[in-house]
Amino acid sequence: MPTMTTDLDIYRSAKLLIDQHGQDATLEAALKADELLGAGDLDGQAAWLRIRAAVLELLKPGDGEALELEVTDYAARA
């Protein structure tokens, strides 16, 4: 049974991808989704397509203010 990836997990992954690849994060997510599709992993592909959408949202130009995402690791606090 596939596990559900939460929105928080998706946005954390998107933020990490942006930190690592900058503007190329969208392309990196798409390449990973294609790789997983080729391997027959449809759940993995779906997750990476969600990450790609989150990257696009985070990189979307706004009203001149940079969009910042603060990711808190609650597990580390416990």
Protein backbone atom coordinates (compact mmCIF):
# COMPACT_ATOMS: atom_id res chain seq x y z
CA MET A 1 0.00 0.00 0.00
CA PRO A 2 1.47 3.39 -1.00
CA THR A 3 2.15 5.94 1.70
CA MET A 4 0.62 9.39 1.47
CA THR A 5 3.05 12.27 1.14
CA THR A 6 1.84 15.29 3.09
CA ASP A 7 1.77 18.81 1.70
CA LEU A 8 4.38 19.76 4.29
CA ASP A 9 6.70 17.03 2.98
CA ILE A 10 6.14 18.25 -0.58
CA TYR A 11 6.98 21.85 0.30
CA ARG A 12 10.01 20.81 2.34
CA SER A 13 11.27 18.84 -0.65
CA ALA A 14 10.57 21.74 -2.98
CA LYS A 15 12.48 24.14 -0.72
CA LEU A 16 15.48 21.80 -0.56
CA LEU A 17 15.42 21.39 -4.34
CA ILE A 18 15.36 25.18 -4.80
CA ASP A 19 18.23 25.57 -2.34
CA GLN A 20 20.27 23.00 -4.27
CA HIS A 21 19.36 23.88 -7.87
CA GLY A 22 17.93 27.40 -7.87
CA GLN A 23 15.91 28.17 -10.99
CA ASP A 24 16.72 24.69 -12.35
CA ALA A 25 14.72 23.06 -9.53
CA THR A 26 11.64 22.79 -11.75
CA LEU A 27 13.62 20.94 -14.40
CA GLU A 28 15.23 18.65 -11.81
CA ALA A 29 11.82 17.70 -10.40
CA ALA A 30 10.47 17.01 -13.89
CA LEU A 31 13.49 14.84 -14.73
CA LYS A 32 13.02 12.83 -11.54
CA ALA A 33 9.30 12.39 -12.29
CA ASP A 34 10.15 11.14 -15.79
CA GLU A 35 12.78 8.77 -14.39
CA LEU A 36 10.27 7.25 -11.97
CA LEU A 37 7.62 6.95 -14.70
CA GLY A 38 10.15 5.07 -16.82
CA ALA A 39 10.75 2.73 -13.89
CA GLY A 40 7.02 2.13 -13.52
CA ASP A 41 6.80 3.94 -10.16
CA LEU A 42 3.58 5.89 -10.64
CA ASP A 43 3.30 6.88 -6.97
CA GLY A 44 6.84 8.25 -7.03
CA GLN A 45 6.12 10.09 -10.26
CA ALA A 46 2.99 11.63 -8.73
CA ALA A 47 4.97 12.82 -5.70
CA TRP A 48 7.62 14.45 -7.87
CA LEU A 49 4.98 16.14 -10.01
CA ARG A 50 3.56 17.60 -6.79
CA ILE A 51 7.06 18.74 -5.82
CA ARG A 52 7.45 20.36 -9.23
CA ALA A 53 4.17 22.22 -8.78
CA ALA A 54 5.31 23.41 -5.34
CA VAL A 55 8.63 24.60 -6.80
CA LEU A 56 6.76 26.57 -9.46
CA GLU A 57 4.58 28.13 -6.78
CA LEU A 58 7.55 29.04 -4.58
CA LEU A 59 9.49 30.53 -7.50
CA LYS A 60 6.49 32.41 -8.89
CA PRO A 61 7.16 36.13 -9.06
CA GLY A 62 4.96 38.02 -6.65
CA ASP A 63 4.42 41.65 -5.80
CA GLY A 64 8.12 42.34 -5.52
CA GLU A 65 8.57 40.55 -2.23
CA ALA A 66 10.49 37.31 -2.05
CA LEU A 67 8.46 34.35 -0.91
CA GLU A 68 10.16 32.67 2.00
CA LEU A 69 9.31 29.29 3.42
CA GLU A 70 10.31 28.50 6.94
CA VAL A 71 10.50 24.78 7.46
CA THR A 72 10.49 23.65 11.04
CA ASP A 73 11.70 20.21 11.90
CA TYR A 74 9.32 19.29 14.68
CA ALA A 75 10.85 15.83 15.03
CA ALA A 76 14.16 17.42 16.04
CA ARG A 77 12.39 19.33 18.81
CA ALA A 78 10.91 16.23 20.39
